[in-house]
Full PDB file with SEQRES, HELIX, SHEET, SSBOND, CRYST1, ORIGX, SCALE, CONECT and MASTER records, all heavy atoms in Angstrom:
SEQRES   1 A   34  SER SER SER ASP ARG ASP VAL PRO MET ALA VAL LEU VAL          
SEQRES   2 A   34  GLY ALA PHE MET ALA ALA VAL ILE LEU VAL ALA LEU GLN          
SEQRES   3 A   34  ILE GLY PRO ALA LEU ALA LEU VAL                              
HELIX    1 AA1 VAL A    7  ILE A   27  1                                  21    
HELIX    2 AA2 PRO A   29  LEU A   33  1                                   5    
CRYST1    1.000    1.000    1.000  90.00  90.00  90.00 P 1           1          
ORIGX1      1.000000  0.000000  0.000000        0.00000                         
ORIGX2      0.000000  1.000000  0.000000        0.00000                         
ORIGX3      0.000000  0.000000  1.000000        0.00000                         
SCALE1      1.000000  0.000000  0.000000        0.00000                         
SCALE2      0.000000  1.000000  0.000000        0.00000                         
SCALE3      0.000000  0.000000  1.000000        0.00000                         
ATOM      1  N   SER A   1      27.116 122.856 121.934  1.00  0.00           N  
ATOM      2  CA  SER A   1      26.044 122.983 120.956  1.00  0.00           C  
ATOM      3  C   SER A   1      26.410 123.994 119.893  1.00  0.00           C  
ATOM      4  O   SER A   1      27.130 124.949 120.111  1.00  0.00           O  
ATOM      5  CB  SER A   1      24.754 123.423 121.655  1.00  0.00           C  
ATOM      6  OG  SER A   1      23.755 123.679 120.719  1.00  0.00           O  
ATOM      7  N   SER A   2      25.855 123.737 118.717  1.00  0.00           N  
ATOM      8  CA  SER A   2      26.044 124.682 117.619  1.00  0.00           C  
ATOM      9  C   SER A   2      24.782 125.498 117.380  1.00  0.00           C  
ATOM     10  O   SER A   2      24.560 126.028 116.301  1.00  0.00           O  
ATOM     11  CB  SER A   2      26.413 123.923 116.334  1.00  0.00           C  
ATOM     12  OG  SER A   2      25.368 123.067 115.968  1.00  0.00           O  
ATOM     13  N   SER A   3      23.948 125.585 118.411  1.00  0.00           N  
ATOM     14  CA  SER A   3      22.716 126.351 118.260  1.00  0.00           C  
ATOM     15  C   SER A   3      22.979 127.836 118.081  1.00  0.00           C  
ATOM     16  O   SER A   3      22.069 128.589 117.754  1.00  0.00           O  
ATOM     17  CB  SER A   3      21.820 126.121 119.487  1.00  0.00           C  
ATOM     18  OG  SER A   3      22.488 126.505 120.672  1.00  0.00           O  
ATOM     19  N   ASP A   4      24.255 128.251 118.335  1.00  0.00           N  
ATOM     20  CA  ASP A   4      24.577 129.654 118.164  1.00  0.00           C  
ATOM     21  C   ASP A   4      24.853 130.018 116.718  1.00  0.00           C  
ATOM     22  O   ASP A   4      25.206 131.152 116.423  1.00  0.00           O  
ATOM     23  CB  ASP A   4      25.789 130.015 119.026  1.00  0.00           C  
ATOM     24  CG  ASP A   4      27.010 129.176 118.700  1.00  0.00           C  
ATOM     25  OD1 ASP A   4      26.828 128.121 118.059  1.00  0.00           O  
ATOM     26  OD2 ASP A   4      28.127 129.586 119.086  1.00  0.00           O  
ATOM     27  N   ARG A   5      24.719 129.069 115.806  1.00  0.00           N  
ATOM     28  CA  ARG A   5      24.942 129.366 114.397  1.00  0.00           C  
ATOM     29  C   ARG A   5      23.930 130.399 113.909  1.00  0.00           C  
ATOM     30  O   ARG A   5      22.763 130.375 114.277  1.00  0.00           O  
ATOM     31  CB  ARG A   5      24.823 128.097 113.551  1.00  0.00           C  
ATOM     32  CG  ARG A   5      25.972 127.122 113.726  1.00  0.00           C  
ATOM     33  CD  ARG A   5      25.901 126.051 112.669  1.00  0.00           C  
ATOM     34  NE  ARG A   5      26.902 125.014 112.861  1.00  0.00           N  
ATOM     35  CZ  ARG A   5      28.156 125.100 112.436  1.00  0.00           C  
ATOM     36  NH1 ARG A   5      28.551 126.192 111.814  1.00  0.00           N  
ATOM     37  NH2 ARG A   5      29.013 124.121 112.642  1.00  0.00           N  
ATOM     38  N   ASP A   6      24.395 131.267 113.037  1.00  0.00           N  
ATOM     39  CA  ASP A   6      23.534 132.285 112.446  1.00  0.00           C  
ATOM     40  C   ASP A   6      22.794 131.631 111.276  1.00  0.00           C  
ATOM     41  O   ASP A   6      23.298 131.561 110.161  1.00  0.00           O  
ATOM     42  CB  ASP A   6      24.395 133.455 111.976  1.00  0.00           C  
ATOM     43  CG  ASP A   6      23.556 134.648 111.547  1.00  0.00           C  
ATOM     44  OD1 ASP A   6      22.346 134.466 111.313  1.00  0.00           O  
ATOM     45  OD2 ASP A   6      24.119 135.755 111.418  1.00  0.00           O  
ATOM     46  N   VAL A   7      21.592 131.152 111.546  1.00  0.00           N  
ATOM     47  CA  VAL A   7      20.841 130.422 110.532  1.00  0.00           C  
ATOM     48  C   VAL A   7      20.502 131.290 109.326  1.00  0.00           C  
ATOM     49  O   VAL A   7      20.671 130.863 108.178  1.00  0.00           O  
ATOM     50  CB  VAL A   7      19.568 129.807 111.154  1.00  0.00           C  
ATOM     51  CG1 VAL A   7      18.734 129.108 110.078  1.00  0.00           C  
ATOM     52  CG2 VAL A   7      19.937 128.828 112.258  1.00  0.00           C  
ATOM     53  N   PRO A   8      19.995 132.527 109.500  1.00  0.00           N  
ATOM     54  CA  PRO A   8      19.728 133.352 108.316  1.00  0.00           C  
ATOM     55  C   PRO A   8      20.973 133.574 107.458  1.00  0.00           C  
ATOM     56  O   PRO A   8      20.891 133.541 106.225  1.00  0.00           O  
ATOM     57  CB  PRO A   8      19.211 134.668 108.911  1.00  0.00           C  
ATOM     58  CG  PRO A   8      18.648 134.288 110.229  1.00  0.00           C  
ATOM     59  CD  PRO A   8      19.529 133.200 110.736  1.00  0.00           C  
ATOM     60  N   MET A   9      22.112 133.812 108.109  1.00  0.00           N  
ATOM     61  CA  MET A   9      23.345 133.984 107.353  1.00  0.00           C  
ATOM     62  C   MET A   9      23.722 132.699 106.632  1.00  0.00           C  
ATOM     63  O   MET A   9      24.186 132.717 105.482  1.00  0.00           O  
ATOM     64  CB  MET A   9      24.472 134.420 108.293  1.00  0.00           C  
ATOM     65  CG  MET A   9      25.831 134.571 107.599  1.00  0.00           C  
ATOM     66  SD  MET A   9      25.807 135.806 106.275  1.00  0.00           S  
ATOM     67  CE  MET A   9      25.644 137.308 107.249  1.00  0.00           C  
ATOM     68  N   ALA A  10      23.512 131.560 107.290  1.00  0.00           N  
ATOM     69  CA  ALA A  10      23.821 130.277 106.662  1.00  0.00           C  
ATOM     70  C   ALA A  10      22.968 130.058 105.417  1.00  0.00           C  
ATOM     71  O   ALA A  10      23.446 129.593 104.378  1.00  0.00           O  
ATOM     72  CB  ALA A  10      23.603 129.135 107.660  1.00  0.00           C  
ATOM     73  N   VAL A  11      21.682 130.394 105.514  1.00  0.00           N  
ATOM     74  CA  VAL A  11      20.790 130.245 104.364  1.00  0.00           C  
ATOM     75  C   VAL A  11      21.223 131.173 103.232  1.00  0.00           C  
ATOM     76  O   VAL A  11      21.244 130.780 102.059  1.00  0.00           O  
ATOM     77  CB  VAL A  11      19.333 130.531 104.784  1.00  0.00           C  
ATOM     78  CG1 VAL A  11      18.427 130.546 103.558  1.00  0.00           C  
ATOM     79  CG2 VAL A  11      18.863 129.498 105.793  1.00  0.00           C  
ATOM     80  N   LEU A  12      21.589 132.400 103.582  1.00  0.00           N  
ATOM     81  CA  LEU A  12      22.000 133.361 102.564  1.00  0.00           C  
ATOM     82  C   LEU A  12      23.280 132.902 101.855  1.00  0.00           C  
ATOM     83  O   LEU A  12      23.363 132.947 100.618  1.00  0.00           O  
ATOM     84  CB  LEU A  12      22.219 134.739 103.210  1.00  0.00           C  
ATOM     85  CG  LEU A  12      22.645 135.878 102.271  1.00  0.00           C  
ATOM     86  CD1 LEU A  12      21.560 136.124 101.228  1.00  0.00           C  
ATOM     87  CD2 LEU A  12      22.927 137.147 103.070  1.00  0.00           C  
ATOM     88  N   VAL A  13      24.251 132.460 102.619  1.00  0.00           N  
ATOM     89  CA  VAL A  13      25.507 131.987 102.023  1.00  0.00           C  
ATOM     90  C   VAL A  13      25.267 130.749 101.177  1.00  0.00           C  
ATOM     91  O   VAL A  13      25.798 130.614 100.070  1.00  0.00           O  
ATOM     92  CB  VAL A  13      26.546 131.707 103.127  1.00  0.00           C  
ATOM     93  CG1 VAL A  13      27.786 131.030 102.547  1.00  0.00           C  
ATOM     94  CG2 VAL A  13      26.940 132.998 103.831  1.00  0.00           C  
ATOM     95  N   GLY A  14      24.427 129.832 101.677  1.00  0.00           N  
ATOM     96  CA  GLY A  14      24.134 128.623 100.911  1.00  0.00           C  
ATOM     97  C   GLY A  14      23.434 128.936  99.597  1.00  0.00           C  
ATOM     98  O   GLY A  14      23.749 128.344  98.560  1.00  0.00           O  
ATOM     99  N   ALA A  15      22.473 129.858  99.631  1.00  0.00           N  
ATOM    100  CA  ALA A  15      21.770 130.233  98.403  1.00  0.00           C  
ATOM    101  C   ALA A  15      22.720 130.891  97.413  1.00  0.00           C  
ATOM    102  O   ALA A  15      22.646 130.640  96.194  1.00  0.00           O  
ATOM    103  CB  ALA A  15      20.614 131.171  98.734  1.00  0.00           C  
ATOM    104  N   PHE A  16      23.636 131.721  97.917  1.00  0.00           N  
ATOM    105  CA  PHE A  16      24.590 132.388  97.031  1.00  0.00           C  
ATOM    106  C   PHE A  16      25.516 131.361  96.369  1.00  0.00           C  
ATOM    107  O   PHE A  16      25.775 131.428  95.155  1.00  0.00           O  
ATOM    108  CB  PHE A  16      25.409 133.394  97.825  1.00  0.00           C  
ATOM    109  CG  PHE A  16      26.518 134.044  97.028  1.00  0.00           C  
ATOM    110  CD1 PHE A  16      26.223 135.032  96.096  1.00  0.00           C  
ATOM    111  CD2 PHE A  16      27.838 133.662  97.203  1.00  0.00           C  
ATOM    112  CE1 PHE A  16      27.235 135.624  95.344  1.00  0.00           C  
ATOM    113  CE2 PHE A  16      28.852 134.247  96.470  1.00  0.00           C  
ATOM    114  CZ  PHE A  16      28.559 135.229  95.534  1.00  0.00           C  
ATOM    115  N   MET A  17      26.020 130.407  97.140  1.00  0.00           N  
ATOM    116  CA  MET A  17      26.899 129.375  96.566  1.00  0.00           C  
ATOM    117  C   MET A  17      26.164 128.536  95.525  1.00  0.00           C  
ATOM    118  O   MET A  17      26.712 128.228  94.458  1.00  0.00           O  
ATOM    119  CB  MET A  17      27.448 128.474  97.673  1.00  0.00           C  
ATOM    120  CG  MET A  17      28.455 129.141  98.584  1.00  0.00           C  
ATOM    121  SD  MET A  17      29.254 127.951  99.688  1.00  0.00           S  
ATOM    122  CE  MET A  17      27.835 127.331 100.602  1.00  0.00           C  
ATOM    123  N   ALA A  18      24.922 128.167  95.828  1.00  0.00           N  
ATOM    124  CA  ALA A  18      24.148 127.380  94.879  1.00  0.00           C  
ATOM    125  C   ALA A  18      23.926 128.151  93.586  1.00  0.00           C  
ATOM    126  O   ALA A  18      24.024 127.593  92.476  1.00  0.00           O  
ATOM    127  CB  ALA A  18      22.810 126.984  95.497  1.00  0.00           C  
ATOM    128  N   ALA A  19      23.636 129.437  93.712  1.00  0.00           N  
ATOM    129  CA  ALA A  19      23.413 130.254  92.515  1.00  0.00           C  
ATOM    130  C   ALA A  19      24.675 130.341  91.668  1.00  0.00           C  
ATOM    131  O   ALA A  19      24.625 130.228  90.435  1.00  0.00           O  
ATOM    132  CB  ALA A  19      22.943 131.647  92.931  1.00  0.00           C  
ATOM    133  N   VAL A  20      25.827 130.543  92.304  1.00  0.00           N  
ATOM    134  CA  VAL A  20      27.088 130.635  91.566  1.00  0.00           C  
ATOM    135  C   VAL A  20      27.380 129.339  90.820  1.00  0.00           C  
ATOM    136  O   VAL A  20      27.760 129.348  89.634  1.00  0.00           O  
ATOM    137  CB  VAL A  20      28.240 130.983  92.527  1.00  0.00           C  
ATOM    138  CG1 VAL A  20      29.592 130.835  91.828  1.00  0.00           C  
ATOM    139  CG2 VAL A  20      28.077 132.392  93.067  1.00  0.00           C  
ATOM    140  N   ILE A  21      27.175 128.220  91.494  1.00  0.00           N  
ATOM    141  CA  ILE A  21      27.476 126.929  90.867  1.00  0.00           C  
ATOM    142  C   ILE A  21      26.530 126.651  89.703  1.00  0.00           C  
ATOM    143  O   ILE A  21      26.948 126.203  88.625  1.00  0.00           O  
ATOM    144  CB  ILE A  21      27.402 125.813  91.919  1.00  0.00           C  
ATOM    145  CG1 ILE A  21      28.519 125.995  92.957  1.00  0.00           C  
ATOM    146  CG2 ILE A  21      27.526 124.443  91.260  1.00  0.00           C  
ATOM    147  CD1 ILE A  21      28.436 125.024  94.112  1.00  0.00           C  
ATOM    148  N   LEU A  22      25.240 126.925  89.908  1.00  0.00           N  
ATOM    149  CA  LEU A  22      24.270 126.655  88.845  1.00  0.00           C  
ATOM    150  C   LEU A  22      24.502 127.556  87.634  1.00  0.00           C  
ATOM    151  O   LEU A  22      24.359 127.111  86.487  1.00  0.00           O  
ATOM    152  CB  LEU A  22      22.850 126.823  89.388  1.00  0.00           C  
ATOM    153  CG  LEU A  22      22.412 125.774  90.422  1.00  0.00           C  
ATOM    154  CD1 LEU A  22      21.013 126.099  90.952  1.00  0.00           C  
ATOM    155  CD2 LEU A  22      22.438 124.368  89.816  1.00  0.00           C  
ATOM    156  N   VAL A  23      24.855 128.821  87.876  1.00  0.00           N  
ATOM    157  CA  VAL A  23      25.160 129.718  86.761  1.00  0.00           C  
ATOM    158  C   VAL A  23      26.393 129.233  86.018  1.00  0.00           C  
ATOM    159  O   VAL A  23      26.442 129.234  84.770  1.00  0.00           O  
ATOM    160  CB  VAL A  23      25.362 131.162  87.264  1.00  0.00           C  
ATOM    161  CG1 VAL A  23      25.936 132.051  86.171  1.00  0.00           C  
ATOM    162  CG2 VAL A  23      24.030 131.741  87.751  1.00  0.00           C  
ATOM    163  N   ALA A  24      27.405 128.780  86.746  1.00  0.00           N  
ATOM    164  CA  ALA A  24      28.609 128.261  86.110  1.00  0.00           C  
ATOM    165  C   ALA A  24      28.299 127.035  85.260  1.00  0.00           C  
ATOM    166  O   ALA A  24      28.848 126.865  84.160  1.00  0.00           O  
ATOM    167  CB  ALA A  24      29.651 127.920  87.175  1.00  0.00           C  
ATOM    168  N   LEU A  25      27.394 126.186  85.738  1.00  0.00           N  
ATOM    169  CA  LEU A  25      27.007 125.008  84.959  1.00  0.00           C  
ATOM    170  C   LEU A  25      26.280 125.405  83.679  1.00  0.00           C  
ATOM    171  O   LEU A  25      26.419 124.730  82.650  1.00  0.00           O  
ATOM    172  CB  LEU A  25      26.122 124.089  85.814  1.00  0.00           C  
ATOM    173  CG  LEU A  25      26.840 123.340  86.943  1.00  0.00           C  
ATOM    174  CD1 LEU A  25      25.835 122.624  87.840  1.00  0.00           C  
ATOM    175  CD2 LEU A  25      27.835 122.330  86.375  1.00  0.00           C  
ATOM    176  N   GLN A  26      25.510 126.469  83.758  1.00  0.00           N  
ATOM    177  CA  GLN A  26      24.814 126.931  82.559  1.00  0.00           C  
ATOM    178  C   GLN A  26      25.783 127.536  81.546  1.00  0.00           C  
ATOM    179  O   GLN A  26      25.598 127.401  80.338  1.00  0.00           O  
ATOM    180  CB  GLN A  26      23.748 127.970  82.942  1.00  0.00           C  
ATOM    181  CG  GLN A  26      22.585 127.381  83.730  1.00  0.00           C  
ATOM    182  CD  GLN A  26      21.800 126.362  82.915  1.00  0.00           C  
ATOM    183  OE1 GLN A  26      21.559 126.541  81.722  1.00  0.00           O  
ATOM    184  NE2 GLN A  26      21.399 125.273  83.571  1.00  0.00           N  
ATOM    185  N   ILE A  27      26.827 128.182  82.029  1.00  0.00           N  
ATOM    186  CA  ILE A  27      27.799 128.789  81.113  1.00  0.00           C  
ATOM    187  C   ILE A  27      28.605 127.724  80.387  1.00  0.00           C  
ATOM    188  O   ILE A  27      28.859 127.816  79.185  1.00  0.00           O  
ATOM    189  CB  ILE A  27      28.724 129.744  81.892  1.00  0.00           C  
ATOM    190  CG1 ILE A  27      27.910 130.940  82.401  1.00  0.00           C  
ATOM    191  CG2 ILE A  27      29.879 130.217  81.028  1.00  0.00           C  
ATOM    192  CD1 ILE A  27      28.704 131.890  83.272  1.00  0.00           C  
ATOM    193  N   GLY A  28      29.018 126.694  81.117  1.00  0.00           N  
ATOM    194  CA  GLY A  28      29.777 125.637  80.457  1.00  0.00           C  
ATOM    195  C   GLY A  28      30.599 124.826  81.426  1.00  0.00           C  
ATOM    196  O   GLY A  28      30.847 125.240  82.568  1.00  0.00           O  
ATOM    197  N   PRO A  29      31.035 123.645  81.009  1.00  0.00           N  
ATOM    198  CA  PRO A  29      31.777 122.755  81.911  1.00  0.00           C  
ATOM    199  C   PRO A  29      33.134 123.296  82.329  1.00  0.00           C  
ATOM    200  O   PRO A  29      33.613 122.968  83.415  1.00  0.00           O  
ATOM    201  CB  PRO A  29      31.912 121.467  81.088  1.00  0.00           C  
ATOM    202  CG  PRO A  29      31.748 121.878  79.670  1.00  0.00           C  
ATOM    203  CD  PRO A  29      30.815 123.030  79.684  1.00  0.00           C  
ATOM    204  N   ALA A  30      33.779 124.096  81.489  1.00  0.00           N  
ATOM    205  CA  ALA A  30      35.115 124.599  81.832  1.00  0.00           C  
ATOM    206  C   ALA A  30      35.062 125.483  83.077  1.00  0.00           C  
ATOM    207  O   ALA A  30      35.876 125.336  84.002  1.00  0.00           O  
ATOM    208  CB  ALA A  30      35.711 125.361  80.653  1.00  0.00           C  
ATOM    209  N   LEU A  31      34.092 126.420  83.124  1.00  0.00           N  
ATOM    210  CA  LEU A  31      33.967 127.286  84.282  1.00  0.00           C  
ATOM    211  C   LEU A  31      33.565 126.485  85.516  1.00  0.00           C  
ATOM    212  O   LEU A  31      34.059 126.742  86.630  1.00  0.00           O  
ATOM    213  CB  LEU A  31      32.937 128.377  84.007  1.00  0.00           C  
ATOM    214  CG  LEU A  31      32.701 129.381  85.139  1.00  0.00           C  
ATOM    215  CD1 LEU A  31      34.006 130.079  85.514  1.00  0.00           C  
ATOM    216  CD2 LEU A  31      31.633 130.386  84.746  1.00  0.00           C  
ATOM    217  N   ALA A  32      32.676 125.523  85.339  1.00  0.00           N  
ATOM    218  CA  ALA A  32      32.278 124.668  86.464  1.00  0.00           C  
ATOM    219  C   ALA A  32      33.468 123.883  86.997  1.00  0.00           C  
ATOM    220  O   ALA A  32      33.603 123.687  88.213  1.00  0.00           O  
ATOM    221  CB  ALA A  32      31.165 123.718  86.024  1.00  0.00           C  
ATOM    222  N   LEU A  33      34.353 123.432  86.110  1.00  0.00           N  
ATOM    223  CA  LEU A  33      35.550 122.707  86.537  1.00  0.00           C  
ATOM    224  C   LEU A  33      36.462 123.603  87.364  1.00  0.00           C  
ATOM    225  O   LEU A  33      37.023 123.172  88.377  1.00  0.00           O  
ATOM    226  CB  LEU A  33      36.295 122.170  85.320  1.00  0.00           C  
ATOM    227  CG  LEU A  33      37.620 121.460  85.608  1.00  0.00           C  
ATOM    228  CD1 LEU A  33      37.380 120.193  86.407  1.00  0.00           C  
ATOM    229  CD2 LEU A  33      38.363 121.156  84.312  1.00  0.00           C  
ATOM    230  N   VAL A  34      36.615 124.858  86.950  1.00  0.00           N  
ATOM    231  CA  VAL A  34      37.453 125.797  87.699  1.00  0.00           C  
ATOM    232  C   VAL A  34      36.905 125.997  89.110  1.00  0.00           C  
ATOM    233  O   VAL A  34      37.661 125.971  90.102  1.00  0.00           O  
ATOM    234  CB  VAL A  34      37.546 127.144  86.954  1.00  0.00           C  
ATOM    235  CG1 VAL A  34      38.234 128.189  87.826  1.00  0.00           C  
ATOM    236  CG2 VAL A  34      38.302 126.970  85.639  1.00  0.00           C  
TER     237      VAL A  34                                                      
MASTER        0    0    0    2    0    0    0    6  236    1    0    3          
END                                                                             
């Protein structure tokens, strides 16, 4: 089972990745491509 996953940490990491990607999309396609 993967019930031992750290769910709060997973949510935090997921939110951080989403924020980085969305900010990159707002800056421009070149940064998003990188």
